[in-house]
Amino acid sequence: GGGLVQPGGSLRLSCLASGTTLNYVTVGWFREA
């Protein structure tokens, strides 16, 4: 879901939890500039 967007714009990132189901994991988002 990443990409190039103008300031003020929107993006929606997706995280597919492969090998498990979501009720068995805690999920976090991080970023690195």
PDB file of all heavy atoms in Angstrom:
ATOM      1  N   GLY A   1       0.770  -1.231   0.000  1.00  0.00           N
ATOM      2  CA  GLY A   1       0.000   0.000   0.000  1.00  0.00           C
ATOM      3  C   GLY A   1       0.802   1.283   0.000  1.00  0.00           C
ATOM      4  O   GLY A   1       0.236   2.375  -0.076  1.00  0.00           O
ATOM      5  N   GLY A   2       2.111   1.168   0.097  1.00  0.00           N
ATOM      6  CA  GLY A   2       2.933   2.372   0.064  1.00  0.00           C
ATOM      7  C   GLY A   2       2.945   3.000  -1.324  1.00  0.00           C
ATOM      8  O   GLY A   2       2.436   2.431  -2.293  1.00  0.00           O
ATOM      9  N   GLY A   3       3.521   4.191  -1.400  1.00  0.00           N
ATOM     10  CA  GLY A   3       3.609   4.875  -2.677  1.00  0.00           C
ATOM     11  C   GLY A   3       3.970   6.327  -2.508  1.00  0.00           C
ATOM     12  O   GLY A   3       4.379   6.759  -1.416  1.00  0.00           O
ATOM     13  N   LEU A   4       3.819   7.070  -3.593  1.00  0.00           N
ATOM     14  CA  LEU A   4       4.104   8.499  -3.603  1.00  0.00           C
ATOM     15  C   LEU A   4       2.804   9.272  -3.457  1.00  0.00           C
ATOM     16  O   LEU A   4       1.833   9.009  -4.188  1.00  0.00           O
ATOM     17  CB  LEU A   4       4.795   8.877  -4.920  1.00  0.00           C
ATOM     18  CG  LEU A   4       5.026  10.365  -5.181  1.00  0.00           C
ATOM     19  CD1 LEU A   4       5.987  10.945  -4.141  1.00  0.00           C
ATOM     20  CD2 LEU A   4       5.557  10.577  -6.585  1.00  0.00           C
ATOM     21  N   VAL A   5       2.783  10.205  -2.521  1.00  0.00           N
ATOM     22  CA  VAL A   5       1.585  11.005  -2.294  1.00  0.00           C
ATOM     23  C   VAL A   5       2.000  12.437  -2.010  1.00  0.00           C
ATOM     24  O   VAL A   5       3.079  12.683  -1.454  1.00  0.00           O
ATOM     25  CB  VAL A   5       0.761  10.409  -1.123  1.00  0.00           C
ATOM     26  CG1 VAL A   5       1.526  10.457   0.185  1.00  0.00           C
ATOM     27  CG2 VAL A   5      -0.595  11.079  -1.006  1.00  0.00           C
ATOM     28  N   GLN A   6       1.161  13.369  -2.393  1.00  0.00           N
ATOM     29  CA  GLN A   6       1.451  14.775  -2.130  1.00  0.00           C
ATOM     30  C   GLN A   6       1.179  15.117  -0.675  1.00  0.00           C
ATOM     31  O   GLN A   6       0.370  14.452  -0.011  1.00  0.00           O
ATOM     32  CB  GLN A   6       0.590  15.661  -3.029  1.00  0.00           C
ATOM     33  CG  GLN A   6       0.950  15.574  -4.504  1.00  0.00           C
ATOM     34  CD  GLN A   6       0.191  16.586  -5.342  1.00  0.00           C
ATOM     35  OE1 GLN A   6      -0.826  17.119  -4.929  1.00  0.00           O
ATOM     36  NE2 GLN A   6       0.703  16.853  -6.534  1.00  0.00           N
ATOM     37  N   PRO A   7       1.831  16.152  -0.157  1.00  0.00           N
ATOM     38  CA  PRO A   7       1.530  16.589   1.207  1.00  0.00           C
ATOM     39  C   PRO A   7       0.043  16.859   1.369  1.00  0.00           C
ATOM     40  O   PRO A   7      -0.599  17.465   0.496  1.00  0.00           O
ATOM     41  CB  PRO A   7       2.349  17.877   1.345  1.00  0.00           C
ATOM     42  CG  PRO A   7       3.486  17.686   0.401  1.00  0.00           C
ATOM     43  CD  PRO A   7       2.913  16.941  -0.776  1.00  0.00           C
ATOM     44  N   GLY A   8      -0.501  16.375   2.477  1.00  0.00           N
ATOM     45  CA  GLY A   8      -1.934  16.496   2.718  1.00  0.00           C
ATOM     46  C   GLY A   8      -2.746  15.337   2.177  1.00  0.00           C
ATOM     47  O   GLY A   8      -3.948  15.243   2.454  1.00  0.00           O
ATOM     48  N   GLY A   9      -2.102  14.465   1.435  1.00  0.00           N
ATOM     49  CA  GLY A   9      -2.790  13.327   0.847  1.00  0.00           C
ATOM     50  C   GLY A   9      -2.934  12.156   1.803  1.00  0.00           C
ATOM     51  O   GLY A   9      -2.542  12.233   2.972  1.00  0.00           O
ATOM     52  N   SER A  10      -3.504  11.066   1.272  1.00  0.00           N
ATOM     53  CA  SER A  10      -3.796   9.891   2.100  1.00  0.00           C
ATOM     54  C   SER A  10      -3.265   8.621   1.445  1.00  0.00           C
ATOM     55  O   SER A  10      -3.169   8.528   0.217  1.00  0.00           O
ATOM     56  CB  SER A  10      -5.316   9.740   2.281  1.00  0.00           C
ATOM     57  OG  SER A  10      -5.862  10.844   2.958  1.00  0.00           O
ATOM     58  N   LEU A  11      -2.951   7.672   2.296  1.00  0.00           N
ATOM     59  CA  LEU A  11      -2.600   6.321   1.870  1.00  0.00           C
ATOM     60  C   LEU A  11      -3.159   5.344   2.886  1.00  0.00           C
ATOM     61  O   LEU A  11      -3.292   5.688   4.067  1.00  0.00           O
ATOM     62  CB  LEU A  11      -1.076   6.132   1.797  1.00  0.00           C
ATOM     63  CG  LEU A  11      -0.314   6.676   0.596  1.00  0.00           C
ATOM     64  CD1 LEU A  11       1.185   6.479   0.813  1.00  0.00           C
ATOM     65  CD2 LEU A  11      -0.753   6.017  -0.695  1.00  0.00           C
ATOM     66  N   ARG A  12      -3.447   4.132   2.410  1.00  0.00           N
ATOM     67  CA  ARG A  12      -3.834   3.082   3.344  1.00  0.00           C
ATOM     68  C   ARG A  12      -2.857   1.921   3.187  1.00  0.00           C
ATOM     69  O   ARG A  12      -2.761   1.312   2.117  1.00  0.00           O
ATOM     70  CB  ARG A  12      -5.260   2.588   3.080  1.00  0.00           C
ATOM     71  CG  ARG A  12      -5.724   1.625   4.157  1.00  0.00           C
ATOM     72  CD  ARG A  12      -7.148   1.143   3.947  1.00  0.00           C
ATOM     73  NE  ARG A  12      -7.249   0.159   2.880  1.00  0.00           N
ATOM     74  CZ  ARG A  12      -8.296  -0.645   2.715  1.00  0.00           C
ATOM     75  NH1 ARG A  12      -9.326  -0.576   3.532  1.00  0.00           N
ATOM     76  NH2 ARG A  12      -8.330  -1.506   1.718  1.00  0.00           N
ATOM     77  N   LEU A  13      -2.151   1.632   4.259  1.00  0.00           N
ATOM     78  CA  LEU A  13      -1.221   0.511   4.275  1.00  0.00           C
ATOM     79  C   LEU A  13      -1.928  -0.742   4.770  1.00  0.00           C
ATOM     80  O   LEU A  13      -2.810  -0.655   5.623  1.00  0.00           O
ATOM     81  CB  LEU A  13      -0.022   0.808   5.178  1.00  0.00           C
ATOM     82  CG  LEU A  13       0.754   2.092   4.877  1.00  0.00           C
ATOM     83  CD1 LEU A  13       1.962   2.191   5.808  1.00  0.00           C
ATOM     84  CD2 LEU A  13       1.161   2.167   3.430  1.00  0.00           C
ATOM     85  N   SER A  14      -1.514  -1.880   4.238  1.00  0.00           N
ATOM     86  CA  SER A  14      -2.078  -3.162   4.644  1.00  0.00           C
ATOM     87  C   SER A  14      -0.988  -4.056   5.195  1.00  0.00           C
ATOM     88  O   SER A  14       0.154  -4.017   4.721  1.00  0.00           O
ATOM     89  CB  SER A  14      -2.732  -3.865   3.452  1.00  0.00           C
ATOM     90  OG  SER A  14      -3.779  -3.093   2.911  1.00  0.00           O
ATOM     91  N   CYS A  15      -1.366  -4.868   6.168  1.00  0.00           N
ATOM     92  CA  CYS A  15      -0.443  -5.834   6.755  1.00  0.00           C
ATOM     93  C   CYS A  15      -1.152  -7.180   6.808  1.00  0.00           C
ATOM     94  O   CYS A  15      -2.095  -7.352   7.599  1.00  0.00           O
ATOM     95  CB  CYS A  15      -0.015  -5.405   8.157  1.00  0.00           C
ATOM     96  SG  CYS A  15       0.931  -6.656   9.050  1.00  0.00           S
ATOM     97  N   LEU A  16      -0.727  -8.097   5.976  1.00  0.00           N
ATOM     98  CA  LEU A  16      -1.293  -9.444   5.961  1.00  0.00           C
ATOM     99  C   LEU A  16      -0.535 -10.297   6.964  1.00  0.00           C
ATOM    100  O   LEU A  16       0.683 -10.476   6.852  1.00  0.00           O
ATOM    101  CB  LEU A  16      -1.187 -10.047   4.564  1.00  0.00           C
ATOM    102  CG  LEU A  16      -1.619 -11.495   4.415  1.00  0.00           C
ATOM    103  CD1 LEU A  16      -3.110 -11.647   4.728  1.00  0.00           C
ATOM    104  CD2 LEU A  16      -1.314 -12.007   3.019  1.00  0.00           C
ATOM    105  N   ALA A  17      -1.268 -10.824   7.928  1.00  0.00           N
ATOM    106  CA  ALA A  17      -0.650 -11.653   8.963  1.00  0.00           C
ATOM    107  C   ALA A  17      -0.602 -13.091   8.481  1.00  0.00           C
ATOM    108  O   ALA A  17      -1.492 -13.886   8.769  1.00  0.00           O
ATOM    109  CB  ALA A  17      -1.424 -11.548  10.268  1.00  0.00           C
ATOM    110  N   SER A  18       0.425 -13.447   7.747  1.00  0.00           N
ATOM    111  CA  SER A  18       0.523 -14.789   7.183  1.00  0.00           C
ATOM    112  C   SER A  18       0.945 -15.797   8.252  1.00  0.00           C
ATOM    113  O   SER A  18       1.662 -15.476   9.190  1.00  0.00           O
ATOM    114  CB  SER A  18       1.531 -14.805   6.030  1.00  0.00           C
ATOM    115  OG  SER A  18       2.798 -14.419   6.477  1.00  0.00           O
ATOM    116  N   GLY A  19       0.440 -17.013   8.121  1.00  0.00           N
ATOM    117  CA  GLY A  19       0.823 -18.089   9.018  1.00  0.00           C
ATOM    118  C   GLY A  19       0.126 -18.072  10.357  1.00  0.00           C
ATOM    119  O   GLY A  19       0.453 -18.861  11.245  1.00  0.00           O
ATOM    120  N   THR A  20      -0.842 -17.179  10.523  1.00  0.00           N
ATOM    121  CA  THR A  20      -1.581 -17.106  11.783  1.00  0.00           C
ATOM    122  C   THR A  20      -2.904 -16.396  11.506  1.00  0.00           C
ATOM    123  O   THR A  20      -3.193 -16.020  10.377  1.00  0.00           O
ATOM    124  CB  THR A  20      -0.768 -16.341  12.850  1.00  0.00           C
ATOM    125  OG1 THR A  20      -1.473 -16.398  14.099  1.00  0.00           O
ATOM    126  CG2 THR A  20      -0.569 -14.895  12.453  1.00  0.00           C
ATOM    127  N   THR A  21      -3.691 -16.224  12.548  1.00  0.00           N
ATOM    128  CA  THR A  21      -4.892 -15.398  12.437  1.00  0.00           C
ATOM    129  C   THR A  21      -4.747 -14.217  13.393  1.00  0.00           C
ATOM    130  O   THR A  21      -4.017 -14.296  14.390  1.00  0.00           O
ATOM    131  CB  THR A  21      -6.164 -16.188  12.763  1.00  0.00           C
ATOM    132  OG1 THR A  21      -6.017 -16.787  14.051  1.00  0.00           O
ATOM    133  CG2 THR A  21      -6.403 -17.272  11.728  1.00  0.00           C
ATOM    134  N   LEU A  22      -5.449 -13.160  13.112  1.00  0.00           N
ATOM    135  CA  LEU A  22      -5.246 -11.911  13.840  1.00  0.00           C
ATOM    136  C   LEU A  22      -5.586 -12.008  15.317  1.00  0.00           C
ATOM    137  O   LEU A  22      -5.045 -11.247  16.126  1.00  0.00           O
ATOM    138  CB  LEU A  22      -6.046 -10.787  13.197  1.00  0.00           C
ATOM    139  CG  LEU A  22      -5.539 -10.320  11.847  1.00  0.00           C
ATOM    140  CD1 LEU A  22      -6.479  -9.269  11.266  1.00  0.00           C
ATOM    141  CD2 LEU A  22      -4.124  -9.764  11.953  1.00  0.00           C
ATOM    142  N   ASN A  23      -6.449 -12.918  15.695  1.00  0.00           N
ATOM    143  CA  ASN A  23      -6.791 -13.015  17.108  1.00  0.00           C
ATOM    144  C   ASN A  23      -5.689 -13.707  17.935  1.00  0.00           C
ATOM    145  O   ASN A  23      -5.826 -13.844  19.145  1.00  0.00           O
ATOM    146  CB  ASN A  23      -8.135 -13.703  17.312  1.00  0.00           C
ATOM    147  CG  ASN A  23      -8.171 -15.087  16.736  1.00  0.00           C
ATOM    148  OD1 ASN A  23      -7.462 -15.390  15.803  1.00  0.00           O
ATOM    149  ND2 ASN A  23      -9.019 -15.935  17.301  1.00  0.00           N
ATOM    150  N   TYR A  24      -4.613 -14.122  17.255  1.00  0.00           N
ATOM    151  CA  TYR A  24      -3.480 -14.734  17.953  1.00  0.00           C
ATOM    152  C   TYR A  24      -2.216 -13.881  17.879  1.00  0.00           C
ATOM    153  O   TYR A  24      -1.121 -14.364  18.217  1.00  0.00           O
ATOM    154  CB  TYR A  24      -3.188 -16.122  17.393  1.00  0.00           C
ATOM    155  CG  TYR A  24      -4.163 -17.172  17.879  1.00  0.00           C
ATOM    156  CD1 TYR A  24      -5.259 -17.541  17.118  1.00  0.00           C
ATOM    157  CD2 TYR A  24      -3.995 -17.773  19.117  1.00  0.00           C
ATOM    158  CE1 TYR A  24      -6.159 -18.480  17.573  1.00  0.00           C
ATOM    159  CE2 TYR A  24      -4.895 -18.726  19.585  1.00  0.00           C
ATOM    160  CZ  TYR A  24      -5.968 -19.068  18.792  1.00  0.00           C
ATOM    161  OH  TYR A  24      -6.859 -20.002  19.253  1.00  0.00           O
ATOM    162  N   VAL A  25      -2.352 -12.632  17.431  1.00  0.00           N
ATOM    163  CA  VAL A  25      -1.178 -11.763  17.360  1.00  0.00           C
ATOM    164  C   VAL A  25      -1.512 -10.338  17.780  1.00  0.00           C
ATOM    165  O   VAL A  25      -2.625  -9.854  17.558  1.00  0.00           O
ATOM    166  CB  VAL A  25      -0.554 -11.720  15.944  1.00  0.00           C
ATOM    167  CG1 VAL A  25       0.103 -13.039  15.597  1.00  0.00           C
ATOM    168  CG2 VAL A  25      -1.567 -11.311  14.906  1.00  0.00           C
ATOM    169  N   THR A  26      -0.524  -9.692  18.371  1.00  0.00           N
ATOM    170  CA  THR A  26      -0.535  -8.246  18.534  1.00  0.00           C
ATOM    171  C   THR A  26       0.228  -7.682  17.334  1.00  0.00           C
ATOM    172  O   THR A  26       1.269  -8.213  16.949  1.00  0.00           O
ATOM    173  CB  THR A  26       0.164  -7.833  19.840  1.00  0.00           C
ATOM    174  OG1 THR A  26      -0.568  -8.363  20.944  1.00  0.00           O
ATOM    175  CG2 THR A  26       0.253  -6.323  19.957  1.00  0.00           C
ATOM    176  N   VAL A  27      -0.306  -6.612  16.757  1.00  0.00           N
ATOM    177  CA  VAL A  27       0.288  -6.040  15.547  1.00  0.00           C
ATOM    178  C   VAL A  27       0.736  -4.609  15.810  1.00  0.00           C
ATOM    179  O   VAL A  27       0.018  -3.823  16.435  1.00  0.00           O
ATOM    180  CB  VAL A  27      -0.728  -6.052  14.386  1.00  0.00           C
ATOM    181  CG1 VAL A  27      -0.121  -5.410  13.141  1.00  0.00           C
ATOM    182  CG2 VAL A  27      -1.169  -7.480  14.086  1.00  0.00           C
ATOM    183  N   GLY A  28       1.907  -4.289  15.334  1.00  0.00           N
ATOM    184  CA  GLY A  28       2.414  -2.925  15.454  1.00  0.00           C
ATOM    185  C   GLY A  28       2.854  -2.391  14.107  1.00  0.00           C
ATOM    186  O   GLY A  28       3.231  -3.153  13.218  1.00  0.00           O
ATOM    187  N   TRP A  29       2.769  -1.076  13.965  1.00  0.00           N
ATOM    188  CA  TRP A  29       3.298  -0.374  12.791  1.00  0.00           C
ATOM    189  C   TRP A  29       4.433   0.532  13.260  1.00  0.00           C
ATOM    190  O   TRP A  29       4.298   1.249  14.257  1.00  0.00           O
ATOM    191  CB  TRP A  29       2.232   0.473  12.120  1.00  0.00           C
ATOM    192  CG  TRP A  29       1.271  -0.261  11.255  1.00  0.00           C
ATOM    193  CD1 TRP A  29       0.001  -0.646  11.566  1.00  0.00           C
ATOM    194  CD2 TRP A  29       1.482  -0.702   9.908  1.00  0.00           C
ATOM    195  NE1 TRP A  29      -0.577  -1.294  10.510  1.00  0.00           N
ATOM    196  CE2 TRP A  29       0.317  -1.339   9.469  1.00  0.00           C
ATOM    197  CE3 TRP A  29       2.567  -0.625   9.021  1.00  0.00           C
ATOM    198  CZ2 TRP A  29       0.179  -1.895   8.198  1.00  0.00           C
ATOM    199  CZ3 TRP A  29       2.438  -1.171   7.761  1.00  0.00           C
ATOM    200  CH2 TRP A  29       1.256  -1.796   7.356  1.00  0.00           C
ATOM    201  N   PHE A  30       5.507   0.507  12.506  1.00  0.00           N
ATOM    202  CA  PHE A  30       6.672   1.353  12.780  1.00  0.00           C
ATOM    203  C   PHE A  30       7.091   2.024  11.470  1.00  0.00           C
ATOM    204  O   PHE A  30       6.712   1.577  10.380  1.00  0.00           O
ATOM    205  CB  PHE A  30       7.841   0.506  13.306  1.00  0.00           C
ATOM    206  CG  PHE A  30       7.597  -0.088  14.660  1.00  0.00           C
ATOM    207  CD1 PHE A  30       6.800  -1.212  14.821  1.00  0.00           C
ATOM    208  CD2 PHE A  30       8.168   0.481  15.794  1.00  0.00           C
ATOM    209  CE1 PHE A  30       6.563  -1.756  16.083  1.00  0.00           C
ATOM    210  CE2 PHE A  30       7.946  -0.054  17.056  1.00  0.00           C
ATOM    211  CZ  PHE A  30       7.145  -1.175  17.199  1.00  0.00           C
ATOM    212  N   ARG A  31       7.866   3.062  11.589  1.00  0.00           N
ATOM    213  CA  ARG A  31       8.404   3.697  10.383  1.00  0.00           C
ATOM    214  C   ARG A  31       9.837   4.116  10.639  1.00  0.00           C
ATOM    215  O   ARG A  31      10.240   4.392  11.781  1.00  0.00           O
ATOM    216  CB  ARG A  31       7.563   4.902   9.960  1.00  0.00           C
ATOM    217  CG  ARG A  31       7.526   6.035  10.952  1.00  0.00           C
ATOM    218  CD  ARG A  31       6.511   7.082  10.524  1.00  0.00           C
ATOM    219  NE  ARG A  31       6.438   8.180  11.473  1.00  0.00           N
ATOM    220  CZ  ARG A  31       5.479   9.105  11.458  1.00  0.00           C
ATOM    221  NH1 ARG A  31       4.507   9.059  10.532  1.00  0.00           N
ATOM    222  NH2 ARG A  31       5.483  10.085  12.338  1.00  0.00           N
ATOM    223  N   GLU A  32      10.564   4.188   9.533  1.00  0.00           N
ATOM    224  CA  GLU A  32      11.979   4.557   9.611  1.00  0.00           C
ATOM    225  C   GLU A  32      12.276   5.554   8.506  1.00  0.00           C
ATOM    226  O   GLU A  32      12.256   5.218   7.321  1.00  0.00           O
ATOM    227  CB  GLU A  32      12.836   3.296   9.457  1.00  0.00           C
ATOM    228  CG  GLU A  32      14.279   3.483   9.815  1.00  0.00           C
ATOM    229  CD  GLU A  32      15.002   2.143   9.872  1.00  0.00           C
ATOM    230  OE1 GLU A  32      14.535   1.243  10.598  1.00  0.00           O
ATOM    231  OE2 GLU A  32      16.004   2.005   9.155  1.00  0.00           O
ATOM    232  N   ALA A  33      12.542   6.784   8.916  1.00  0.00           N
ATOM    233  CA  ALA A  33      12.893   7.825   7.956  1.00  0.00           C
ATOM    234  C   ALA A  33      14.391   7.757   7.670  1.00  0.00           C
ATOM    235  O   ALA A  33      15.163   7.271   8.512  1.00  0.00           O
ATOM    236  CB  ALA A  33      12.524   9.193   8.507  1.00  0.00           C
TER     237      ALA A  33
END
